[in-house]
Amino acid sequence: MDGFVDPYVDPATGILRNRVGARTRAELDRAEGDLSFAAMIELRQGPMAPRTTTTTGG
């Protein structure tokens, strides 16, 4: 598969594109751990309200 470019990988860093701005695998791993820990604490505090979306139609 020569010439295949994965749209989910940043060609400059070789890691997955991400919303936390991580540029190395270590940074991405750290952010994943931090976000997972924060979510775990939030869940321990009680049930979360469901997320809803609204659409305006035409």
C-alpha atoms as a PDB file:
ATOM      1  CA  MET A   1       0.000   0.000   0.000  1.00  0.00           C
ATOM      2  CA  ASP A   2       2.510   2.553  -1.082  1.00  0.00           C
ATOM      3  CA  GLY A   3       1.356   6.132  -0.813  1.00  0.00           C
ATOM      4  CA  PHE A   4      -1.313   5.493   1.824  1.00  0.00           C
ATOM      5  CA  VAL A   5      -1.709   8.445   4.171  1.00  0.00           C
ATOM      6  CA  ASP A   6      -3.636   7.817   7.371  1.00  0.00           C
ATOM      7  CA  PRO A   7      -5.823  10.899   7.921  1.00  0.00           C
ATOM      8  CA  TYR A   8      -5.869  10.239  11.679  1.00  0.00           C
ATOM      9  CA  VAL A   9      -2.093  10.410  12.086  1.00  0.00           C
ATOM     10  CA  ASP A  10      -0.187  13.692  12.215  1.00  0.00           C
ATOM     11  CA  PRO A  11       2.541  13.312   9.587  1.00  0.00           C
ATOM     12  CA  ALA A  12       4.865  15.646  11.509  1.00  0.00           C
ATOM     13  CA  THR A  13       4.775  13.606  14.728  1.00  0.00           C
ATOM     14  CA  GLY A  14       3.569  10.161  13.709  1.00  0.00           C
ATOM     15  CA  ILE A  15       0.976  10.092  16.517  1.00  0.00           C
ATOM     16  CA  LEU A  16      -2.786  10.287  16.365  1.00  0.00           C
ATOM     17  CA  ARG A  17      -4.277  13.711  15.860  1.00  0.00           C
ATOM     18  CA  ASN A  18      -5.744  14.818  19.167  1.00  0.00           C
ATOM     19  CA  ARG A  19      -7.585  17.616  20.906  1.00  0.00           C
ATOM     20  CA  VAL A  20      -5.111  18.015  23.753  1.00  0.00           C
ATOM     21  CA  GLY A  21      -2.229  19.261  21.630  1.00  0.00           C
ATOM     22  CA  ALA A  22       0.030  16.301  22.408  1.00  0.00           C
ATOM     23  CA  ARG A  23       3.028  16.121  20.077  1.00  0.00           C
ATOM     24  CA  THR A  24       4.694  12.988  21.486  1.00  0.00           C
ATOM     25  CA  ARG A  25       3.433   9.562  22.474  1.00  0.00           C
ATOM     26  CA  ALA A  26       4.366  10.290  26.097  1.00  0.00           C
ATOM     27  CA  GLU A  27       2.313  13.513  26.100  1.00  0.00           C
ATOM     28  CA  LEU A  28      -0.657  11.701  24.571  1.00  0.00           C
ATOM     29  CA  ASP A  29      -0.396   8.869  27.104  1.00  0.00           C
ATOM     30  CA  ARG A  30      -0.227  11.382  29.965  1.00  0.00           C
ATOM     31  CA  ALA A  31      -3.256  13.313  28.710  1.00  0.00           C
ATOM     32  CA  GLU A  32      -5.237  10.094  28.315  1.00  0.00           C
ATOM     33  CA  GLY A  33      -4.440   9.108  31.893  1.00  0.00           C
ATOM     34  CA  ASP A  34      -5.297  12.546  33.261  1.00  0.00           C
ATOM     35  CA  LEU A  35      -8.614  12.697  31.394  1.00  0.00           C
ATOM     36  CA  SER A  36      -9.550   9.157  32.419  1.00  0.00           C
ATOM     37  CA  PHE A  37      -8.767   9.941  36.063  1.00  0.00           C
ATOM     38  CA  ALA A  38     -10.874  13.117  35.942  1.00  0.00           C
ATOM     39  CA  ALA A  39     -13.794  11.182  34.429  1.00  0.00           C
ATOM     40  CA  MET A  40     -13.480   8.494  37.103  1.00  0.00           C
ATOM     41  CA  ILE A  41     -13.675  11.111  39.876  1.00  0.00           C
ATOM     42  CA  GLU A  42     -16.680  12.722  38.220  1.00  0.00           C
ATOM     43  CA  LEU A  43     -18.456   9.354  38.017  1.00  0.00           C
ATOM     44  CA  ARG A  44     -17.739   8.609  41.686  1.00  0.00           C
ATOM     45  CA  GLN A  45     -19.532  11.841  42.634  1.00  0.00           C
ATOM     46  CA  GLY A  46     -22.814  10.510  41.276  1.00  0.00           C
ATOM     47  CA  PRO A  47     -24.723   9.889  38.092  1.00  0.00           C
ATOM     48  CA  MET A  48     -24.093  12.216  35.225  1.00  0.00           C
ATOM     49  CA  ALA A  49     -26.883  14.030  33.439  1.00  0.00           C
ATOM     50  CA  PRO A  50     -27.489  12.673  29.943  1.00  0.00           C
ATOM     51  CA  ARG A  51     -26.131  14.685  27.073  1.00  0.00           C
ATOM     52  CA  THR A  52     -28.761  15.806  24.629  1.00  0.00           C
ATOM     53  CA  THR A  53     -28.592  17.435  21.271  1.00  0.00           C
ATOM     54  CA  THR A  54     -31.164  19.541  19.598  1.00  0.00           C
ATOM     55  CA  THR A  55     -31.572  20.109  15.935  1.00  0.00           C
ATOM     56  CA  THR A  56     -33.269  22.919  14.185  1.00  0.00           C
ATOM     57  CA  GLY A  57     -34.838  21.733  11.047  1.00  0.00           C
ATOM     58  CA  GLY A  58     -35.805  22.916   7.735  1.00  0.00           C
END
